[in-house]
Amino acid sequence: MVALVVSFVVAPMVGRAAQPTSENDTARFLAGIQPSADSPLLPLLKDWAWQQHASRFNGIFAKVESKQVGRIHTWAGAKLVSPSPVLFYMFSGPDFLYAHAFFPNASTYVMSGLEPVGSIPDLTKLSRDDLDRSLRNVEASLNSILTFSFFQTIDMRHTLIASRVTGTLPILYVFLARSGNTIRDVSRVTIDKDGTVQADDAIAGTAQGADGVRGVKIEFAGDDGRPRTLYYFSANVDNGSFKPSGFEAFCERLGAGDALIKSASYLLHRDRFSDVRDFLLEHSRLLVQDDSGIPVTQFDQATWQLRPFGHYSGPIGLFANRYQSQLARLFDQGHTEAIDFGIGYQWRPQSSNLIVATKTNATISGDPAGNQPVSPHGGESNKNRSVLGSDATDRGRSHHSGKHVRRNRSIGSGIRYSSPWPFW
């Protein structure tokens, strides 16, 4: 759950030798939570800028917990039965908050976006002005996702380079800390073309290049102490990059899992993202998405069972050409359940929609031995699936990383299934 309370009691560090700041203490500090009792960051808690930062985050995350995260935890606990150990969350950016809210028990999280990992300098060596500016830019970077449930990519890119604390790493740190997790180790990694992960000593802030896909591996634990891993990769996942870069091969090594897609700019409606779309259909037991994810006409009704939640009123104006008549039929059949939280571009609870798709067959392509769920939600490979019609067209061009939403536009999870109902 989201950590909300912070103490301002600062213990003096008399007679102690200087020591490096741990990643976990850095994450807690950036999240507005007091670090450990022997942290070199403790003197910085006296600074007015950090105290205001902590106060603002306490208020903001308390609201997010009551209105969003807590409700999603409850919904997911009731509706998402027997989740897999692996979660694929493409087009996520650094949105660990919602990955953890929907799938808190995953052991491995795989997230991706175009934004580079960035870097976090030694906060004890920043000037007061640099530290204040960095804290405010972290807040600004989180504004849209904490308000609307998704990142506004253009704004995020601006704020993530506007201070000494850069990239997606500080955002991941904040969400990990505020979700009650403890960071144990952080390492920069790169993916070779064969899908092998290796240590990456390249310059911080660079993204995918000739040496492969770059990212970060964060090892952490929740309240239960169980070790977990978060991968974030700065990766282009269109057809020109997803396979050639080795990112697909890396994901295949993890076997079958679950998937989350939200506020994905309807990119999976496009032919040039068919490779990543096919991968998710072939390697997911359970897929949770809003209408910006995989078009419903891409789900083979012999393999998948779809369950609608919320209300589908069509896309916002920016994506008006992505209306799905087949999806509207699914929601109009009377089997739809309400949700009490907002999600996606139609971010108000009464306007939001989710689809929970589950495999109805026993096996999934690429599922390694020992990675079977408690109750099977498998499915055969979809390489030869029949797609009955399509509402998805490739009109216009958009940048694939994400969540382009006009600033002043009004934009606004178990699975105890009965017998499947056709809707195509």
Protein backbone atom coordinates (compact mmCIF):
# COMPACT_ATOMS: atom_id res chain seq x y z
CA MET A 1 0.00 0.00 0.00
CA VAL A 2 1.06 3.61 -0.39
CA ALA A 3 3.21 4.96 2.45
CA LEU A 4 1.81 8.23 3.76
CA VAL A 5 3.31 9.22 7.08
CA VAL A 6 6.68 10.88 7.49
CA SER A 7 8.50 11.93 10.60
CA PHE A 8 10.72 14.99 10.76
CA VAL A 9 12.83 13.81 13.70
CA VAL A 10 16.44 14.08 12.59
CA ALA A 11 19.09 12.24 14.56
CA PRO A 12 22.50 13.92 14.74
CA MET A 13 25.31 12.09 13.00
CA VAL A 14 28.02 12.70 15.55
CA GLY A 15 31.25 10.78 15.21
CA ARG A 16 30.10 8.74 12.24
CA ALA A 17 32.29 8.20 9.23
CA ALA A 18 30.93 9.28 5.87
CA GLN A 19 29.11 6.51 4.06
CA PRO A 20 27.46 6.23 0.67
CA THR A 21 23.74 6.79 0.43
CA SER A 22 21.78 3.64 -0.28
CA GLU A 23 19.40 3.48 -3.22
CA ASN A 24 16.55 2.78 -0.81
CA ASP A 25 17.30 5.88 1.28
CA THR A 26 17.52 7.96 -1.91
CA ALA A 27 14.14 6.61 -3.02
CA ARG A 28 12.55 7.39 0.34
CA PHE A 29 13.99 10.90 0.36
CA LEU A 30 12.69 11.64 -3.16
CA ALA A 31 9.32 10.18 -2.15
CA GLY A 32 9.07 12.47 0.87
CA ILE A 33 9.61 9.67 3.40
CA GLN A 34 12.26 9.77 6.11
CA PRO A 35 15.32 7.62 5.29
CA SER A 36 16.93 5.15 7.66
CA ALA A 37 18.33 6.29 11.00
CA ASP A 38 21.94 6.26 9.82
CA SER A 39 21.40 7.76 6.37
CA PRO A 40 23.72 10.55 5.18
CA LEU A 41 20.54 12.25 3.92
CA LEU A 42 19.16 12.94 7.40
CA PRO A 43 20.58 16.49 7.67
CA LEU A 44 18.73 17.41 4.46
CA LEU A 45 15.42 16.72 6.17
CA LYS A 46 15.85 20.00 8.05
CA ASP A 47 15.62 21.89 4.79
CA TRP A 48 12.33 23.71 4.25
CA ALA A 49 12.18 22.62 0.60
CA TRP A 50 12.22 18.92 1.50
CA GLN A 51 9.68 19.39 4.29
CA GLN A 52 7.31 21.11 1.87
CA HIS A 53 7.95 18.39 -0.69
CA ALA A 54 7.15 15.68 1.88
CA SER A 55 4.01 17.48 2.99
CA ARG A 56 2.75 17.85 -0.58
CA PHE A 57 3.47 14.20 -1.41
CA ASN A 58 1.77 13.00 1.78
CA GLY A 59 -1.38 14.85 0.79
CA ILE A 60 -1.25 13.82 -2.86
CA PHE A 61 -0.56 10.14 -2.24
CA ALA A 62 -3.20 9.97 0.49
CA LYS A 63 -5.73 11.10 -2.09
CA VAL A 64 -4.37 8.71 -4.74
CA GLU A 65 -4.56 5.86 -2.23
CA SER A 66 -8.19 6.53 -1.31
CA LYS A 67 -9.46 7.35 -4.80
CA GLN A 68 -7.36 5.07 -7.01
CA VAL A 69 -4.71 2.69 -5.70
CA GLY A 70 -6.65 1.30 -2.76
CA ARG A 71 -9.71 0.69 -4.93
CA ILE A 72 -7.64 -0.97 -7.65
CA HIS A 73 -5.99 -3.24 -5.05
CA THR A 74 -9.44 -4.30 -3.86
CA TRP A 75 -10.75 -4.81 -7.39
CA ALA A 76 -7.67 -6.76 -8.53
CA GLY A 77 -7.76 -8.96 -5.44
CA ALA A 78 -11.35 -9.93 -6.22
CA LYS A 79 -11.20 -10.09 -10.01
CA LEU A 80 -7.71 -11.16 -11.06
CA VAL A 81 -7.52 -14.76 -9.93
CA SER A 82 -4.21 -16.69 -10.07
CA PRO A 83 -2.03 -13.99 -11.63
CA SER A 84 1.27 -15.02 -13.22
CA PRO A 85 4.72 -14.29 -11.77
CA VAL A 86 5.66 -12.12 -14.78
CA LEU A 87 3.99 -8.87 -15.83
CA PHE A 88 4.58 -7.31 -19.24
CA TYR A 89 3.71 -3.61 -19.26
CA MET A 90 4.66 -2.10 -22.61
CA PHE A 91 4.21 1.62 -23.28
CA SER A 92 4.36 2.12 -19.52
CA GLY A 93 7.06 4.70 -19.09
CA PRO A 94 8.03 4.69 -15.39
CA ASP A 95 4.47 3.86 -14.24
CA PHE A 96 5.25 1.31 -11.55
CA LEU A 97 2.43 2.77 -9.44
CA TYR A 98 -0.34 1.20 -11.53
CA ALA A 99 1.67 -1.92 -12.38
CA HIS A 100 1.91 -2.62 -8.65
CA ALA A 101 -1.69 -1.59 -8.00
CA PHE A 102 -3.10 -4.10 -10.50
CA PHE A 103 -0.46 -6.82 -10.02
CA PRO A 104 1.05 -6.42 -6.52
CA ASN A 105 2.20 -10.05 -6.33
CA ALA A 106 4.21 -10.25 -9.54
CA SER A 107 7.80 -11.40 -9.11
CA THR A 108 9.14 -9.80 -12.31
CA TYR A 109 7.90 -6.56 -13.84
CA VAL A 110 8.96 -5.71 -17.40
CA MET A 111 8.26 -2.10 -18.33
CA SER A 112 9.28 0.00 -21.31
CA GLY A 113 9.08 3.45 -22.87
CA LEU A 114 11.19 5.78 -24.98
CA GLU A 115 12.32 7.85 -22.01
CA PRO A 116 15.92 7.13 -20.89
CA VAL A 117 16.73 5.81 -17.44
CA GLY A 118 18.58 8.96 -16.46
CA SER A 119 20.55 9.38 -13.27
CA ILE A 120 20.37 10.45 -9.65
CA PRO A 121 23.49 12.19 -8.32
CA ASP A 122 24.67 12.14 -4.72
CA LEU A 123 21.94 14.30 -3.20
CA THR A 124 24.17 15.30 -0.29
CA LYS A 125 26.44 17.14 -2.75
CA LEU A 126 23.75 19.20 -4.47
CA SER A 127 23.40 22.88 -3.70
CA ARG A 128 20.24 23.93 -1.91
CA ASP A 129 18.90 25.49 -5.11
CA ASP A 130 19.67 22.36 -7.17
CA LEU A 131 18.03 20.12 -4.59
CA ASP A 132 14.94 22.31 -4.38
CA ARG A 133 14.65 22.44 -8.18
CA SER A 134 15.09 18.67 -8.45
CA LEU A 135 12.35 17.96 -5.90
CA ARG A 136 9.94 20.31 -7.64
CA ASN A 137 10.67 18.74 -11.02
CA VAL A 138 10.00 15.28 -9.63
CA GLU A 139 6.63 16.60 -8.45
CA ALA A 140 5.94 18.16 -11.84
CA SER A 141 6.83 14.93 -13.65
CA LEU A 142 4.24 13.08 -11.57
CA ASN A 143 1.47 15.63 -11.87
CA SER A 144 -0.47 14.10 -14.74
CA ILE A 145 -0.26 10.45 -13.66
CA LEU A 146 -1.33 11.29 -10.12
CA THR A 147 -4.20 13.39 -11.49
CA PHE A 148 -5.31 11.48 -14.60
CA SER A 149 -3.70 7.99 -14.15
CA PHE A 150 -1.28 8.38 -17.10
CA PHE A 151 1.80 10.36 -18.08
CA GLN A 152 1.60 13.25 -20.50
CA THR A 153 4.75 12.30 -22.35
CA ILE A 154 5.74 15.68 -23.74
CA ASP A 155 5.49 17.38 -20.36
CA MET A 156 7.29 14.52 -18.63
CA ARG A 157 10.19 14.65 -21.05
CA HIS A 158 10.63 18.34 -20.37
CA THR A 159 10.61 18.05 -16.60
CA LEU A 160 12.83 14.96 -16.54
CA ILE A 161 15.76 16.89 -18.02
CA ALA A 162 15.21 20.20 -16.24
CA SER A 163 17.29 19.45 -13.13
CA ARG A 164 20.21 17.40 -11.83
CA VAL A 165 17.86 14.47 -11.10
CA THR A 166 16.94 13.13 -14.55
CA GLY A 167 15.14 10.40 -16.45
CA THR A 168 12.70 7.74 -15.33
CA LEU A 169 14.79 6.42 -12.42
CA PRO A 170 13.64 9.02 -9.85
CA ILE A 171 10.00 8.35 -10.79
CA LEU A 172 10.49 4.60 -10.35
CA TYR A 173 12.15 5.30 -6.99
CA VAL A 174 9.21 7.39 -5.77
CA PHE A 175 6.63 4.81 -6.80
CA LEU A 176 8.61 1.94 -5.28
CA ALA A 177 8.98 3.76 -1.97
CA ARG A 178 5.39 5.01 -1.86
CA SER A 179 4.15 1.49 -2.62
CA GLY A 180 5.83 0.24 0.54
CA ASN A 181 8.73 -1.54 -1.15
CA THR A 182 12.39 -1.68 -0.13
CA ILE A 183 15.05 -1.33 -2.84
CA ARG A 184 17.92 -3.78 -2.41
CA ASP A 185 20.00 -3.24 -5.53
CA VAL A 186 20.00 -1.12 -8.69
CA SER A 187 22.08 -1.87 -11.78
CA ARG A 188 22.18 -0.54 -15.32
CA VAL A 189 21.71 -3.23 -17.94
CA THR A 190 21.58 -3.68 -21.67
CA ILE A 191 19.95 -6.32 -23.87
CA ASP A 192 22.01 -7.95 -26.59
CA LYS A 193 20.40 -8.88 -29.88
CA ASP A 194 19.96 -12.48 -28.67
CA GLY A 195 17.98 -11.28 -25.64
CA THR A 196 20.76 -11.66 -23.08
CA VAL A 197 20.90 -9.09 -20.27
CA GLN A 198 24.33 -7.77 -19.40
CA ALA A 199 25.76 -5.02 -17.22
CA ASP A 200 25.80 -1.67 -19.00
CA ASP A 201 28.58 0.83 -18.35
CA ALA A 202 27.39 3.31 -20.96
CA ILE A 203 26.80 6.96 -20.21
CA ALA A 204 23.72 7.53 -18.06
CA GLY A 205 20.81 9.09 -19.89
CA THR A 206 21.45 7.44 -23.24
CA ALA A 207 18.75 5.24 -24.69
CA GLN A 208 18.62 2.47 -27.25
CA GLY A 209 21.59 2.52 -29.60
CA ALA A 210 24.06 0.37 -31.47
CA ASP A 211 24.96 -1.55 -28.33
CA GLY A 212 21.39 -2.72 -27.72
CA VAL A 213 18.46 -1.74 -25.56
CA ARG A 214 19.50 0.03 -22.37
CA GLY A 215 17.65 -0.03 -19.11
CA VAL A 216 17.77 -0.55 -15.38
CA LYS A 217 17.27 -3.60 -13.17
CA ILE A 218 15.90 -2.89 -9.69
CA GLU A 219 15.81 -5.66 -7.12
CA PHE A 220 13.37 -4.93 -4.30
CA ALA A 221 11.11 -6.52 -1.71
CA GLY A 222 7.66 -5.77 -0.35
CA ASP A 223 6.40 -6.07 3.20
CA ASP A 224 6.52 -9.85 2.90
CA GLY A 225 10.27 -9.77 2.21
CA ARG A 226 9.88 -11.77 -1.01
CA PRO A 227 12.53 -10.76 -3.59
CA ARG A 228 11.19 -9.19 -6.77
CA THR A 229 12.68 -7.60 -9.87
CA LEU A 230 11.69 -4.58 -11.92
CA TYR A 231 13.14 -4.04 -15.38
CA TYR A 232 12.64 -0.75 -17.14
CA PHE A 233 13.97 -0.50 -20.70
CA SER A 234 14.25 2.57 -22.88
CA ALA A 235 13.07 0.78 -26.00
CA ASN A 236 11.25 1.38 -29.24
CA VAL A 237 8.81 -1.50 -29.74
CA ASP A 238 7.64 -0.89 -33.30
CA ASN A 239 8.23 -3.57 -35.92
CA GLY A 240 11.59 -2.10 -36.90
CA SER A 241 12.98 -2.46 -33.39
CA PHE A 242 11.10 -4.92 -31.15
CA LYS A 243 12.55 -8.06 -32.74
CA PRO A 244 15.89 -6.75 -34.14
CA SER A 245 16.92 -5.11 -30.87
CA GLY A 246 16.64 -8.32 -28.85
CA PHE A 247 13.88 -6.97 -26.61
CA GLU A 248 11.39 -9.57 -27.84
CA ALA A 249 13.94 -12.37 -27.26
CA PHE A 250 14.52 -11.11 -23.71
CA CYS A 251 10.78 -11.15 -23.02
CA GLU A 252 10.45 -14.64 -24.52
CA ARG A 253 13.10 -15.92 -22.09
CA LEU A 254 10.72 -15.02 -19.26
CA GLY A 255 8.01 -17.28 -20.65
CA ALA A 256 4.30 -16.62 -20.36
CA GLY A 257 2.92 -13.96 -18.07
CA ASP A 258 0.23 -11.35 -17.64
CA ALA A 259 -0.01 -8.01 -19.42
CA LEU A 260 -1.22 -4.51 -18.63
CA ILE A 261 -1.96 -1.89 -21.29
CA LYS A 262 -3.40 1.55 -20.63
CA SER A 263 -3.23 4.99 -22.20
CA ALA A 264 -1.14 3.52 -25.01
CA SER A 265 -2.07 6.04 -27.74
CA TYR A 266 -3.88 3.24 -29.63
CA LEU A 267 -0.52 2.22 -31.07
CA LEU A 268 -1.42 -1.47 -30.94
CA HIS A 269 -4.16 -0.67 -33.49
CA ARG A 270 -1.40 0.06 -36.01
CA ASP A 271 0.16 -2.44 -38.39
CA ARG A 272 3.65 -1.24 -37.52
CA PHE A 273 3.18 -2.46 -33.93
CA SER A 274 1.92 -5.90 -34.96
CA ASP A 275 5.03 -7.69 -33.61
CA VAL A 276 4.60 -6.53 -30.03
CA ARG A 277 0.84 -7.01 -30.32
CA ASP A 278 1.33 -10.62 -31.46
CA PHE A 279 3.84 -11.21 -28.68
CA LEU A 280 1.36 -10.09 -26.03
CA LEU A 281 -1.43 -12.20 -27.50
CA GLU A 282 0.82 -15.26 -27.65
CA HIS A 283 2.54 -14.93 -24.27
CA SER A 284 -0.20 -13.59 -22.00
CA ARG A 285 -2.46 -15.74 -19.84
CA LEU A 286 -4.28 -12.69 -18.56
CA LEU A 287 -4.43 -9.25 -20.14
CA VAL A 288 -5.88 -6.15 -18.52
CA GLN A 289 -6.32 -3.12 -20.77
CA ASP A 290 -8.38 -0.08 -21.55
CA ASP A 291 -9.69 0.59 -25.06
CA SER A 292 -6.33 2.07 -26.14
CA GLY A 293 -4.80 -1.42 -26.04
CA ILE A 294 -5.21 -4.33 -28.45
CA PRO A 295 -8.37 -3.99 -30.60
CA VAL A 296 -11.00 -6.50 -29.54
CA THR A 297 -11.18 -7.81 -33.12
CA GLN A 298 -7.63 -9.16 -32.68
CA PHE A 299 -8.74 -11.61 -29.97
CA ASP A 300 -9.65 -15.05 -31.35
CA GLN A 301 -12.95 -15.98 -29.69
CA ALA A 302 -11.90 -19.65 -29.63
CA THR A 303 -8.87 -18.78 -27.49
CA TRP A 304 -9.84 -15.73 -25.45
CA GLN A 305 -12.63 -14.80 -23.11
CA LEU A 306 -13.28 -11.08 -22.65
CA ARG A 307 -14.97 -9.44 -19.71
CA PRO A 308 -15.89 -5.72 -19.77
CA PHE A 309 -15.77 -3.36 -16.81
CA GLY A 310 -16.89 0.25 -16.58
CA HIS A 311 -18.28 2.24 -19.48
CA TYR A 312 -17.16 2.55 -23.09
CA SER A 313 -18.09 5.89 -24.63
CA GLY A 314 -15.43 5.90 -27.35
CA PRO A 315 -12.03 7.58 -27.51
CA ILE A 316 -11.32 11.19 -26.64
CA GLY A 317 -11.32 13.58 -29.58
CA LEU A 318 -7.59 13.31 -30.14
CA PHE A 319 -8.07 9.63 -31.09
CA ALA A 320 -11.59 9.84 -32.51
CA ASN A 321 -10.72 7.55 -35.44
CA ARG A 322 -10.02 4.67 -33.01
CA TYR A 323 -13.66 4.04 -32.11
CA GLN A 324 -14.40 0.29 -31.91
CA SER A 325 -17.93 -0.70 -32.82
CA GLN A 326 -17.28 -4.31 -31.75
CA LEU A 327 -16.12 -3.10 -28.35
CA ALA A 328 -19.27 -1.01 -28.00
CA ARG A 329 -21.32 -4.15 -28.71
CA LEU A 330 -19.48 -6.01 -25.98
CA PHE A 331 -20.26 -3.30 -23.43
CA ASP A 332 -23.89 -3.07 -24.59
CA GLN A 333 -24.62 -6.78 -24.03
CA GLY A 334 -25.48 -6.26 -20.38
CA HIS A 335 -22.64 -8.32 -18.85
CA THR A 336 -20.63 -5.23 -17.85
CA GLU A 337 -19.57 -4.70 -14.22
CA ALA A 338 -18.97 -1.27 -12.71
CA ILE A 339 -15.62 0.01 -11.46
CA ASP A 340 -15.20 2.69 -8.79
CA PHE A 341 -11.90 4.14 -10.00
CA GLY A 342 -10.78 6.05 -13.07
CA ILE A 343 -8.30 4.73 -15.61
CA GLY A 344 -7.02 5.69 -19.06
CA TYR A 345 -7.75 8.73 -21.18
CA GLN A 346 -11.40 8.73 -20.10
CA TRP A 347 -10.04 9.11 -16.60
CA ARG A 348 -13.20 9.86 -14.64
CA PRO A 349 -14.63 6.75 -12.92
CA GLN A 350 -18.03 7.03 -14.59
CA SER A 351 -16.34 7.22 -18.03
CA SER A 352 -13.51 4.70 -17.67
CA ASN A 353 -13.38 1.25 -19.19
CA LEU A 354 -11.35 -1.93 -18.73
CA ILE A 355 -11.27 -5.26 -20.52
CA VAL A 356 -10.02 -8.36 -18.73
CA ALA A 357 -9.03 -10.99 -21.30
CA THR A 358 -8.10 -14.51 -20.24
CA LYS A 359 -6.87 -17.49 -22.22
CA THR A 360 -9.31 -20.40 -22.32
CA ASN A 361 -6.87 -23.13 -23.45
CA ALA A 362 -4.23 -24.99 -21.46
CA THR A 363 -0.90 -23.86 -22.87
CA ILE A 364 0.74 -20.71 -24.08
CA SER A 365 3.50 -20.30 -26.64
CA GLY A 366 6.90 -19.98 -24.99
CA ASP A 367 5.76 -21.07 -21.52
CA PRO A 368 8.78 -22.55 -19.74
CA ALA A 369 8.52 -25.51 -17.40
CA GLY A 370 7.69 -24.56 -13.86
CA ASN A 371 5.94 -21.31 -14.79
CA GLN A 372 2.38 -22.60 -14.67
CA PRO A 373 -0.26 -20.63 -12.75
CA VAL A 374 -2.17 -22.09 -9.83
CA SER A 375 -5.18 -22.50 -12.09
CA PRO A 376 -4.46 -22.64 -15.83
CA HIS A 377 -5.39 -19.67 -17.97
CA GLY A 378 -3.34 -20.80 -20.93
CA GLY A 379 -3.88 -20.66 -24.64
CA GLU A 380 -2.37 -21.88 -27.87
CA SER A 381 -0.19 -19.70 -30.00
CA ASN A 382 -2.13 -17.01 -31.84
CA LYS A 383 0.08 -17.01 -34.90
CA ASN A 384 -2.73 -18.63 -36.89
CA ARG A 385 -5.64 -17.02 -35.05
CA SER A 386 -8.62 -15.90 -37.09
CA VAL A 387 -9.40 -12.22 -36.70
CA LEU A 388 -13.01 -11.58 -37.49
CA GLY A 389 -13.13 -8.09 -38.86
CA SER A 390 -11.18 -5.05 -37.72
CA ASP A 391 -11.98 -1.52 -36.62
CA ALA A 392 -8.30 -0.66 -36.44
CA THR A 393 -6.98 1.57 -39.18
CA ASP A 394 -3.60 3.24 -39.50
CA ARG A 395 -4.60 6.84 -40.08
CA GLY A 396 -2.01 9.49 -39.46
CA ARG A 397 1.23 9.03 -37.57
CA SER A 398 2.02 9.37 -33.89
CA HIS A 399 5.10 8.89 -31.76
CA HIS A 400 4.86 5.56 -30.04
CA SER A 401 5.94 6.28 -26.48
CA GLY A 402 2.84 7.44 -25.31
CA LYS A 403 0.33 9.50 -23.80
CA HIS A 404 -0.10 12.64 -25.88
CA VAL A 405 -3.11 14.42 -24.46
CA ARG A 406 -3.96 18.06 -24.96
CA ARG A 407 -3.53 19.90 -21.71
CA ASN A 408 -6.98 21.49 -21.48
CA ARG A 409 -8.95 18.72 -23.12
CA SER A 410 -11.60 17.00 -20.99
CA ILE A 411 -10.27 13.48 -20.93
CA GLY A 412 -12.39 12.74 -19.06
CA SER A 413 -9.65 -5.71 -11.92
CA GLY A 414 -10.74 -11.34 -10.64
CA ILE A 415 -11.69 -13.44 -13.01
CA ARG A 416 -14.43 -15.82 -11.96
CA TYR A 417 -15.85 -16.33 -15.38
CA SER A 418 -19.17 -17.74 -16.33
CA SER A 419 -19.37 -19.46 -19.70
CA PRO A 420 -17.92 -17.26 -22.45
CA TRP A 421 -20.24 -15.20 -24.58
CA PRO A 422 -19.50 -14.37 -28.24
CA PHE A 423 -19.80 -10.78 -29.34
CA TRP A 424 -18.10 -10.59 -32.76
